[in-house]
N, C-alpha and C. Protein backbone atom coordinates (compact mmCIF):
# COMPACT_ATOMS: atom_id res chain seq x y z
N MET A 1 0.93 -1.18 0.19
CA MET A 1 -0.20 -0.13 0.29
C MET A 1 0.79 1.31 0.21
N GLN A 2 0.47 2.12 -0.85
CA GLN A 2 1.16 3.40 -0.82
C GLN A 2 0.86 4.49 0.36
N ALA A 3 -0.52 4.36 0.63
CA ALA A 3 -1.08 5.76 1.31
C ALA A 3 -2.80 5.02 2.08
N LEU A 4 -3.10 5.39 2.99
CA LEU A 4 -3.96 4.68 3.48
C LEU A 4 -4.83 6.06 3.76
N GLY A 5 -6.28 6.28 3.11
CA GLY A 5 -6.75 7.48 4.07
C GLY A 5 -8.20 6.97 4.52
N LEU A 6 -8.43 7.99 5.88
CA LEU A 6 -9.74 7.11 6.22
C LEU A 6 -10.55 8.77 6.47
N ILE A 7 -12.04 8.64 6.41
CA ILE A 7 -12.87 9.46 7.06
C ILE A 7 -13.85 8.86 7.79
N GLU A 8 -14.18 9.38 8.92
CA GLU A 8 -14.96 9.06 9.67
C GLU A 8 -15.86 10.18 9.94
N VAL A 9 -17.67 9.80 9.51
CA VAL A 9 -18.25 10.71 9.30
C VAL A 9 -19.47 10.25 10.08
N VAL A 10 -20.77 10.94 10.83
CA VAL A 10 -22.02 10.44 11.27
C VAL A 10 -22.84 10.47 9.79
N GLY A 11 -23.62 9.43 10.19
CA GLY A 11 -24.60 9.41 9.15
C GLY A 11 -24.42 8.62 8.05
N LEU A 12 -25.00 7.79 7.28
CA LEU A 12 -24.66 7.11 5.85
C LEU A 12 -24.80 7.63 4.33
N ALA A 13 -25.50 8.97 4.71
CA ALA A 13 -26.08 9.95 3.65
C ALA A 13 -24.35 10.65 3.37
N ALA A 14 -23.49 10.76 4.62
CA ALA A 14 -22.72 11.87 4.86
C ALA A 14 -21.46 11.30 4.06
N GLY A 15 -21.74 9.63 4.62
CA GLY A 15 -20.14 8.73 4.24
C GLY A 15 -20.30 8.78 3.06
N PHE A 16 -21.34 8.32 2.30
CA PHE A 16 -21.54 7.97 0.56
C PHE A 16 -21.22 9.77 0.23
N GLU A 17 -21.54 10.90 0.40
CA GLU A 17 -21.32 12.20 0.16
C GLU A 17 -19.51 11.97 -0.31
N ALA A 18 -19.08 11.45 1.16
CA ALA A 18 -17.21 11.81 1.49
C ALA A 18 -16.44 10.83 0.29
N ALA A 19 -17.63 9.58 0.56
CA ALA A 19 -16.46 8.55 -0.47
C ALA A 19 -16.81 8.90 -1.94
N ASP A 20 -17.87 9.86 -2.74
CA ASP A 20 -18.38 10.13 -4.00
C ASP A 20 -17.36 11.45 -4.14
N VAL A 21 -16.60 12.46 -3.33
CA VAL A 21 -16.02 13.39 -3.88
C VAL A 21 -14.14 12.84 -3.64
N ALA A 22 -14.70 12.06 -2.81
CA ALA A 22 -12.58 11.57 -2.66
C ALA A 22 -12.56 10.79 -3.89
N CYS A 23 -13.24 10.20 -4.33
CA CYS A 23 -13.26 9.39 -5.57
C CYS A 23 -13.28 10.39 -7.30
N LYS A 24 -13.99 10.97 -6.72
CA LYS A 24 -13.75 12.25 -7.82
C LYS A 24 -12.66 13.32 -7.85
N SER A 25 -12.30 13.60 -6.57
CA SER A 25 -11.48 14.80 -7.00
C SER A 25 -10.04 14.33 -6.99
N ALA A 26 -9.59 12.67 -6.93
CA ALA A 26 -8.20 12.90 -6.79
C ALA A 26 -8.33 11.12 -7.44
N ASN A 27 -7.00 10.81 -7.78
CA ASN A 27 -6.72 8.77 -8.32
C ASN A 27 -7.10 8.47 -6.75
N VAL A 28 -7.58 7.86 -6.38
CA VAL A 28 -7.74 6.81 -5.27
C VAL A 28 -8.65 6.06 -5.94
N GLU A 29 -8.12 4.79 -5.00
CA GLU A 29 -9.23 3.93 -5.27
C GLU A 29 -10.10 3.34 -3.66
N LEU A 30 -11.51 3.78 -3.89
CA LEU A 30 -12.16 3.18 -2.76
C LEU A 30 -12.24 1.99 -2.66
N VAL A 31 -11.77 1.72 -1.35
CA VAL A 31 -11.86 0.15 -0.29
C VAL A 31 -13.05 0.09 -0.24
N GLY A 32 -14.00 0.45 0.26
CA GLY A 32 -15.20 0.44 0.84
C GLY A 32 -15.55 1.11 2.45
N TYR A 33 -16.72 1.11 2.88
CA TYR A 33 -17.03 1.60 4.15
C TYR A 33 -17.48 0.51 5.34
N GLU A 34 -17.42 1.32 6.16
CA GLU A 34 -17.26 0.29 7.25
C GLU A 34 -18.13 1.27 8.71
N LEU A 35 -19.41 0.43 9.00
CA LEU A 35 -20.35 0.47 10.11
C LEU A 35 -19.92 0.45 11.42
N ALA A 36 -20.15 1.63 12.26
CA ALA A 36 -19.34 1.24 13.52
C ALA A 36 -21.12 1.51 14.39
N LYS A 37 -20.58 0.42 15.64
CA LYS A 37 -21.84 -0.37 16.16
C LYS A 37 -22.12 1.33 16.82
N GLY A 38 -23.39 1.45 17.00
CA GLY A 38 -24.24 2.68 18.04
C GLY A 38 -23.14 3.93 17.45
N GLY A 39 -23.84 5.12 17.48
CA GLY A 39 -23.46 6.64 17.01
C GLY A 39 -23.73 6.78 15.54
N GLY A 40 -23.86 5.72 15.05
CA GLY A 40 -24.41 5.79 13.52
C GLY A 40 -23.00 6.64 12.61
N PHE A 41 -21.89 6.31 13.16
CA PHE A 41 -20.73 6.08 12.06
C PHE A 41 -20.19 5.49 11.15
N VAL A 42 -19.47 6.43 10.30
CA VAL A 42 -19.20 5.51 9.06
C VAL A 42 -17.87 5.80 8.70
N THR A 43 -17.23 4.86 8.38
CA THR A 43 -15.49 4.95 7.98
C THR A 43 -15.39 4.86 6.73
N ILE A 44 -15.24 5.76 5.86
CA ILE A 44 -14.92 5.65 4.38
C ILE A 44 -12.95 5.29 4.34
N LYS A 45 -12.63 4.46 3.95
CA LYS A 45 -11.11 3.91 3.41
C LYS A 45 -11.12 4.06 2.19
N VAL A 46 -9.87 4.55 1.75
CA VAL A 46 -9.22 5.36 0.44
C VAL A 46 -7.90 4.76 0.19
N LEU A 47 -7.48 4.03 -0.77
CA LEU A 47 -5.84 4.08 -1.48
C LEU A 47 -5.13 4.65 -2.66
N GLY A 48 -4.40 4.81 -2.30
CA GLY A 48 -3.45 5.98 -3.41
C GLY A 48 -2.10 6.18 -3.39
N GLN A 49 -1.60 7.08 -3.94
CA GLN A 49 -0.77 8.06 -3.87
C GLN A 49 -0.64 8.89 -2.43
N VAL A 50 0.42 9.43 -1.76
CA VAL A 50 0.40 10.15 -0.49
C VAL A 50 -0.49 11.55 -0.77
N GLY A 51 -0.22 12.15 -1.94
CA GLY A 51 -0.90 13.40 -2.18
C GLY A 51 -2.02 13.52 -3.15
N ALA A 52 -2.67 12.56 -3.69
CA ALA A 52 -3.74 12.35 -3.79
C ALA A 52 -4.95 11.40 -2.70
N VAL A 53 -4.23 10.78 -1.99
CA VAL A 53 -4.91 10.34 -0.72
C VAL A 53 -5.46 11.85 0.03
N THR A 54 -4.32 12.55 0.38
CA THR A 54 -4.65 13.89 1.22
C THR A 54 -5.35 14.48 0.20
N ALA A 55 -5.29 15.13 -0.66
CA ALA A 55 -6.30 15.85 -1.38
C ALA A 55 -7.99 15.23 -1.61
N ALA A 56 -8.12 13.84 -1.44
CA ALA A 56 -9.29 13.43 -1.84
C ALA A 56 -9.90 13.34 -0.24
N ILE A 57 -9.04 12.78 1.10
CA ILE A 57 -9.68 13.10 2.06
C ILE A 57 -9.96 14.53 2.69
N ASP A 58 -9.21 15.82 2.05
CA ASP A 58 -9.21 16.89 2.45
C ASP A 58 -10.92 17.00 1.95
N ALA A 59 -10.84 16.97 0.42
CA ALA A 59 -12.03 17.37 -0.25
C ALA A 59 -13.11 16.67 0.40
N ALA A 60 -13.46 15.44 0.84
CA ALA A 60 -14.49 14.50 1.47
C ALA A 60 -14.86 15.21 2.80
N ALA A 61 -13.75 16.03 3.63
CA ALA A 61 -14.46 16.45 4.77
C ALA A 61 -14.72 17.48 4.40
N VAL A 62 -14.52 18.26 3.25
CA VAL A 62 -15.34 19.68 3.12
C VAL A 62 -16.67 19.19 2.75
N ALA A 63 -17.25 18.81 2.01
CA ALA A 63 -18.33 18.09 1.36
C ALA A 63 -18.84 16.98 2.25
N ALA A 64 -18.73 16.09 3.16
CA ALA A 64 -19.12 15.83 4.19
C ALA A 64 -20.14 16.39 5.58
N ALA A 65 -18.81 18.04 5.69
CA ALA A 65 -19.19 18.50 6.77
C ALA A 65 -20.56 19.51 6.32
N LYS A 66 -21.03 19.62 5.15
CA LYS A 66 -22.09 19.97 4.63
C LYS A 66 -23.50 19.68 5.09
N ILE A 67 -23.05 17.99 5.21
CA ILE A 67 -24.40 17.37 5.20
C ILE A 67 -24.57 16.34 6.59
N ASN A 68 -23.45 16.18 7.39
CA ASN A 68 -23.35 15.92 8.88
C ASN A 68 -22.08 16.29 9.43
N ARG A 69 -21.98 15.78 10.45
CA ARG A 69 -20.53 16.38 11.26
C ARG A 69 -19.51 15.45 11.12
N VAL A 70 -18.22 15.79 10.72
CA VAL A 70 -17.07 15.08 10.13
C VAL A 70 -16.60 14.64 11.72
N VAL A 71 -16.30 13.48 12.13
CA VAL A 71 -15.64 12.99 13.21
C VAL A 71 -14.14 12.63 13.42
N SER A 72 -13.47 12.27 12.35
CA SER A 72 -12.42 12.48 12.23
C SER A 72 -11.64 12.18 11.07
N LYS A 73 -10.49 12.25 10.39
CA LYS A 73 -9.77 12.08 9.23
C LYS A 73 -8.26 11.95 9.30
N LEU A 74 -7.62 10.91 8.41
CA LEU A 74 -6.63 10.59 8.82
C LEU A 74 -6.04 10.11 7.67
N VAL A 75 -4.46 10.33 7.81
CA VAL A 75 -3.96 9.61 5.99
C VAL A 75 -2.66 9.36 7.10
N ILE A 76 -2.68 7.85 6.19
CA ILE A 76 -1.35 7.09 6.60
C ILE A 76 0.04 6.84 5.71
N PRO A 77 0.98 7.20 5.18
CA PRO A 77 1.56 7.30 4.05
C PRO A 77 2.80 6.22 4.70
N ARG A 78 2.31 4.94 3.65
CA ARG A 78 3.28 3.71 3.60
C ARG A 78 2.86 3.37 4.76
N PRO A 79 1.53 2.79 5.34
CA PRO A 79 1.09 2.08 5.98
C PRO A 79 2.29 0.01 6.18
N ASN A 80 2.70 0.02 8.10
CA ASN A 80 2.85 -1.28 7.67
C ASN A 80 2.24 -1.64 7.18
N ASP A 81 2.72 -3.56 6.77
CA ASP A 81 1.92 -4.38 5.84
C ASP A 81 1.08 -5.20 6.90
N GLN A 82 1.02 -4.95 8.34
CA GLN A 82 0.49 -5.35 8.84
C GLN A 82 -1.33 -5.04 9.84
N ILE A 83 -0.85 -3.83 8.93
CA ILE A 83 -2.62 -3.09 9.07
C ILE A 83 -3.40 -3.71 7.68
N GLU A 84 -2.96 -4.19 6.92
CA GLU A 84 -3.42 -4.67 5.81
C GLU A 84 -4.50 -5.47 5.87
N PRO A 85 -4.64 -6.36 6.99
CA PRO A 85 -5.74 -7.15 7.60
C PRO A 85 -7.03 -5.81 8.31
N LEU A 86 -6.60 -5.02 8.44
CA LEU A 86 -7.18 -3.87 9.46
C LEU A 86 -8.05 -3.15 8.26
N VAL A 87 -7.25 -3.15 6.81
CA VAL A 87 -8.07 -2.09 6.09
C VAL A 87 -9.11 -2.89 5.43
N GLY A 88 -9.08 -4.23 4.55
CA GLY A 88 -9.68 -4.96 3.75
C GLY A 88 -10.32 -6.48 5.18
N ASN A 89 -11.26 -6.15 5.83
CA ASN A 89 -11.75 -7.55 6.69
C ASN A 89 -13.30 -7.57 6.23
N LYS A 90 -13.64 -8.25 7.05
CA LYS A 90 -15.35 -8.70 6.27
C LYS A 90 -15.94 -7.90 6.78
N LEU A 91 -16.04 -6.85 7.95
CA LEU A 91 -16.57 -5.83 8.15
C LEU A 91 -16.81 -5.05 6.76
N THR A 92 -15.67 -4.56 6.26
CA THR A 92 -15.66 -3.42 5.20
C THR A 92 -16.60 -3.64 4.28
N ARG A 93 -17.45 -2.88 3.93
CA ARG A 93 -18.68 -3.15 2.67
C ARG A 93 -18.05 -2.35 1.50
N GLY A 94 -18.08 -3.19 0.58
CA GLY A 94 -17.82 -3.00 -0.69
C GLY A 94 -16.33 -3.44 -1.07
N TRP A 95 -15.59 -4.25 0.13
CA TRP A 95 -14.37 -4.75 -0.35
C TRP A 95 -14.29 -6.12 -1.15
N THR A 96 -13.97 -6.32 -2.01
CA THR A 96 -13.47 -8.03 -2.16
C THR A 96 -12.15 -8.33 -2.12
N ALA A 97 -12.13 -9.32 -1.52
CA ALA A 97 -10.42 -10.09 -0.87
C ALA A 97 -10.58 -10.53 -2.48
N PRO A 98 -8.96 -10.30 -2.63
CA PRO A 98 -8.15 -10.46 -3.93
C PRO A 98 -7.85 -11.97 -3.78
N THR A 99 -8.69 -12.63 -5.13
CA THR A 99 -8.08 -13.89 -5.21
C THR A 99 -6.60 -13.83 -6.12
N PRO A 100 -6.19 -15.09 -5.32
CA PRO A 100 -4.89 -15.75 -5.87
C PRO A 100 -4.64 -15.84 -7.21
N ALA A 101 -4.08 -15.31 -8.00
CA ALA A 101 -3.17 -15.81 -9.39
C ALA A 101 -4.12 -17.11 -9.27
N PRO A 102 -4.19 -17.97 -10.83
CA PRO A 102 -3.90 -19.59 -10.55
C PRO A 102 -2.68 -19.68 -10.76
N GLU A 103 -2.17 -21.18 -11.07
CA GLU A 103 -1.14 -21.70 -10.92
C GLU A 103 -0.81 -21.87 -12.65
N PRO A 104 -0.24 -21.54 -13.08
CA PRO A 104 -0.54 -22.01 -14.06
C PRO A 104 0.28 -23.59 -14.62
N ASN A 105 -0.76 -23.69 -15.54
CA ASN A 105 -0.83 -25.40 -15.51
C ASN A 105 0.57 -25.57 -16.62
N PRO A 106 1.68 -26.59 -15.78
CA PRO A 106 2.69 -27.38 -16.65
C PRO A 106 2.15 -27.74 -18.13
N GLU A 107 2.86 -27.48 -19.55
CA GLU A 107 3.09 -27.66 -20.45
C GLU A 107 3.27 -28.87 -20.40
N PRO A 108 2.09 -29.81 -21.25
CA PRO A 108 2.43 -31.37 -21.29
C PRO A 108 3.60 -31.84 -22.12
N GLU A 109 4.40 -32.80 -21.87
CA GLU A 109 5.28 -33.03 -22.66
C GLU A 109 5.26 -33.57 -23.93
N PRO A 110 5.92 -33.24 -25.01
CA PRO A 110 5.52 -33.44 -25.77
C PRO A 110 5.89 -34.92 -26.43
N GLU A 111 4.85 -35.82 -27.35
CA GLU A 111 5.33 -37.06 -27.57
C GLU A 111 6.15 -36.96 -28.29
N PRO A 112 7.03 -37.90 -28.12
CA PRO A 112 8.45 -38.59 -29.19
C PRO A 112 7.91 -38.51 -30.44
N GLU A 113 8.61 -37.93 -31.58
CA GLU A 113 8.45 -38.22 -32.64
C GLU A 113 9.28 -39.93 -33.14
N PRO A 114 7.90 -40.68 -34.07
CA PRO A 114 8.46 -41.73 -34.43
C PRO A 114 9.75 -41.49 -35.25
N THR A 115 10.94 -42.29 -35.38
CA THR A 115 11.91 -42.56 -35.58
C THR A 115 12.12 -43.68 -36.95
N ALA A 116 12.73 -43.13 -38.13
CA ALA A 116 12.57 -43.81 -39.41
C ALA A 116 13.30 -45.12 -39.04
N VAL A 117 12.98 -46.12 -39.93
CA VAL A 117 13.62 -47.29 -39.68
C VAL A 117 14.33 -47.18 -40.94
N LEU A 118 15.69 -47.73 -40.59
CA LEU A 118 16.84 -48.10 -41.63
C LEU A 118 16.84 -49.58 -42.35
N ASP A 119 17.22 -49.68 -43.10
CA ASP A 119 17.31 -51.21 -43.82
C ASP A 119 18.52 -51.94 -43.21
N SER A 120 19.53 -50.84 -42.32
CA SER A 120 20.59 -51.51 -41.82
C SER A 120 19.73 -52.10 -40.31
N ASP A 121 19.26 -51.23 -40.12
CA ASP A 121 18.47 -51.78 -38.53
C ASP A 121 17.83 -52.96 -38.51
N ILE A 122 17.39 -53.42 -39.91
CA ILE A 122 16.39 -54.73 -39.89
C ILE A 122 17.59 -55.93 -39.88
N THR A 123 17.71 -56.79 -38.92
CA THR A 123 18.40 -58.22 -38.63
C THR A 123 17.50 -59.45 -39.10
N GLU A 124 16.40 -59.56 -39.26
CA GLU A 124 15.45 -60.62 -39.62
C GLU A 124 15.39 -60.91 -41.35
N VAL A 125 15.85 -61.88 -41.55
CA VAL A 125 15.46 -61.68 -43.09
C VAL A 125 14.76 -63.22 -43.31
N VAL A 126 13.50 -63.16 -43.82
CA VAL A 126 12.63 -64.58 -44.01
C VAL A 126 13.23 -64.86 -45.59
N GLU A 127 13.63 -65.82 -46.18
CA GLU A 127 14.28 -66.50 -47.04
C GLU A 127 12.85 -67.43 -48.20
N ASP A 128 11.80 -67.62 -47.04
CA ASP A 128 11.30 -68.77 -47.70
C ASP A 128 9.99 -68.55 -48.37
N ALA A 129 9.94 -66.81 -48.21
CA ALA A 129 8.26 -66.59 -48.43
C ALA A 129 8.15 -66.28 -49.52
N PRO A 130 7.34 -66.76 -50.22
CA PRO A 130 6.96 -66.58 -52.04
C PRO A 130 7.10 -65.14 -52.35
N LEU A 131 7.50 -64.57 -53.78
CA LEU A 131 7.48 -63.46 -54.00
C LEU A 131 6.15 -62.91 -54.65
N ASN A 132 5.52 -63.98 -55.35
CA ASN A 132 4.21 -63.63 -56.10
C ASN A 132 2.72 -64.53 -54.91
N THR A 133 1.77 -63.99 -55.81
CA THR A 133 0.61 -64.91 -55.48
C THR A 133 0.69 -65.99 -55.96
N ALA A 134 0.98 -66.64 -57.27
CA ALA A 134 0.96 -67.54 -57.50
C ALA A 134 1.74 -68.80 -56.70
N ASP A 135 2.77 -67.64 -56.15
CA ASP A 135 3.94 -68.91 -55.67
C ASP A 135 3.42 -69.15 -54.33
N ALA A 136 2.68 -68.11 -53.93
CA ALA A 136 1.86 -68.68 -52.48
C ALA A 136 0.86 -69.61 -52.43
N GLN A 137 -0.11 -69.71 -53.83
CA GLN A 137 -1.11 -70.55 -53.48
C GLN A 137 -0.59 -71.74 -54.10
N SER A 138 0.17 -72.07 -54.97
CA SER A 138 1.18 -73.55 -54.97
C SER A 138 2.25 -73.74 -53.46
N ALA A 139 2.74 -73.31 -52.62
CA ALA A 139 3.27 -73.43 -51.77
C ALA A 139 2.00 -73.60 -50.25
N ALA A 140 1.19 -73.41 -50.48
CA ALA A 140 0.18 -73.44 -49.90
C ALA A 140 -0.59 -74.96 -49.37
N PRO A 141 -0.44 -75.46 -48.27
CA PRO A 141 -0.77 -76.88 -48.09
C PRO A 141 -2.38 -77.38 -48.46
N LYS A 142 -2.79 -78.38 -48.84
CA LYS A 142 -4.11 -79.15 -49.49
C LYS A 142 -4.80 -79.39 -48.34
N THR A 143 -5.75 -78.28 -48.34
CA THR A 143 -6.80 -78.45 -46.91
C THR A 143 -8.23 -78.56 -47.60
N ARG A 144 -8.99 -79.12 -47.28
CA ARG A 144 -10.46 -79.11 -47.68
C ARG A 144 -10.79 -78.01 -46.71
N PRO A 145 -12.12 -77.39 -47.94
CA PRO A 145 -12.71 -76.19 -47.09
C PRO A 145 -13.31 -76.87 -45.48
N ALA A 146 -13.93 -76.31 -44.66
CA ALA A 146 -14.02 -76.38 -43.37
C ALA A 146 -15.86 -77.08 -43.89
N THR A 147 -16.89 -76.18 -44.71
CA THR A 147 -17.96 -76.84 -45.02
C THR A 147 -17.73 -78.11 -45.81
N THR A 148 -16.59 -78.41 -46.32
CA THR A 148 -16.55 -80.01 -46.69
C THR A 148 -16.87 -80.51 -45.47
N ALA A 149 -15.94 -80.56 -45.02
CA ALA A 149 -15.48 -81.49 -43.96
C ALA A 149 -16.35 -81.68 -43.04
N ARG A 150 -17.53 -80.63 -42.75
CA ARG A 150 -18.47 -80.79 -41.89
C ARG A 150 -19.57 -81.76 -42.73
N LYS A 151 -19.67 -81.62 -43.78
CA LYS A 151 -20.66 -82.27 -44.49
C LYS A 151 -20.47 -83.93 -44.80
N THR A 152 -18.84 -84.13 -45.13
CA THR A 152 -18.46 -85.69 -44.73
C THR A 152 -18.58 -85.89 -43.44
N ALA A 153 -18.33 -85.33 -42.28
CA ALA A 153 -18.32 -85.81 -41.61
C ALA A 153 -20.02 -86.00 -40.86
N ALA A 154 -20.91 -85.29 -41.10
CA ALA A 154 -22.51 -85.40 -40.79
C ALA A 154 -22.76 -86.50 -42.07
N ALA A 155 -22.58 -87.29 -43.09
CA ALA A 155 -22.57 -87.75 -43.86
C ALA A 155 -22.30 -89.39 -43.53
N LYS A 156 -20.98 -89.41 -42.73
CA LYS A 156 -20.52 -90.11 -42.02
C LYS A 156 -21.39 -90.99 -41.14
N ALA A 157 -21.90 -90.14 -40.26
CA ALA A 157 -22.97 -90.05 -38.87
C ALA A 157 -23.80 -90.67 -39.16
N THR A 158 -24.47 -89.98 -40.20
CA THR A 158 -25.79 -90.93 -40.54
C THR A 158 -25.92 -92.90 -41.14
N THR A 159 -24.49 -92.76 -41.99
CA THR A 159 -25.24 -93.62 -42.92
C THR A 159 -24.14 -94.63 -41.95
N GLY A 160 -23.04 -94.33 -40.95
CA GLY A 160 -22.87 -95.96 -39.88
C GLY A 160 -21.33 -95.51 -40.60
N ARG A 161 -20.88 -95.16 -41.37
CA ARG A 161 -19.72 -95.84 -42.51
C ARG A 161 -18.23 -94.56 -41.22
N LYS A 162 -17.29 -95.42 -41.40
CA LYS A 162 -16.55 -94.60 -40.49
C LYS A 162 -15.43 -94.36 -41.56
């Protein structure tokens, strides 16, 4: 945080006027407002550069004083990091907790590319394989088709011959 500005006023209308004027008069970020219990106190919180926050809080005090009473105002340049939980807490209206950035997904490893097979890599040579289909048909063993074998077996069973 660079600078924190707080202005405490009586009444919600004076608080909204202070927040509006603060944001319009200088380059500040409105953190939100916090309602005090009892008394109708409203605290407006802004963040920004030291000069911008000082100008915004001074302008907000003048504008809120026209509507109701300004209780206090404060500018803290370069507040300690331990104050940050007090600035944005669950009681601060309008403030949203910062969401952590999602972790980047690790990129999947690329698949290895297939390597080319060279003739020198082949070690097994089959010499008995026929080179054309005519040689393949003559080299095949002579067998009967399965349907013929079943018909023959069925005929033997019905006639009683073996």
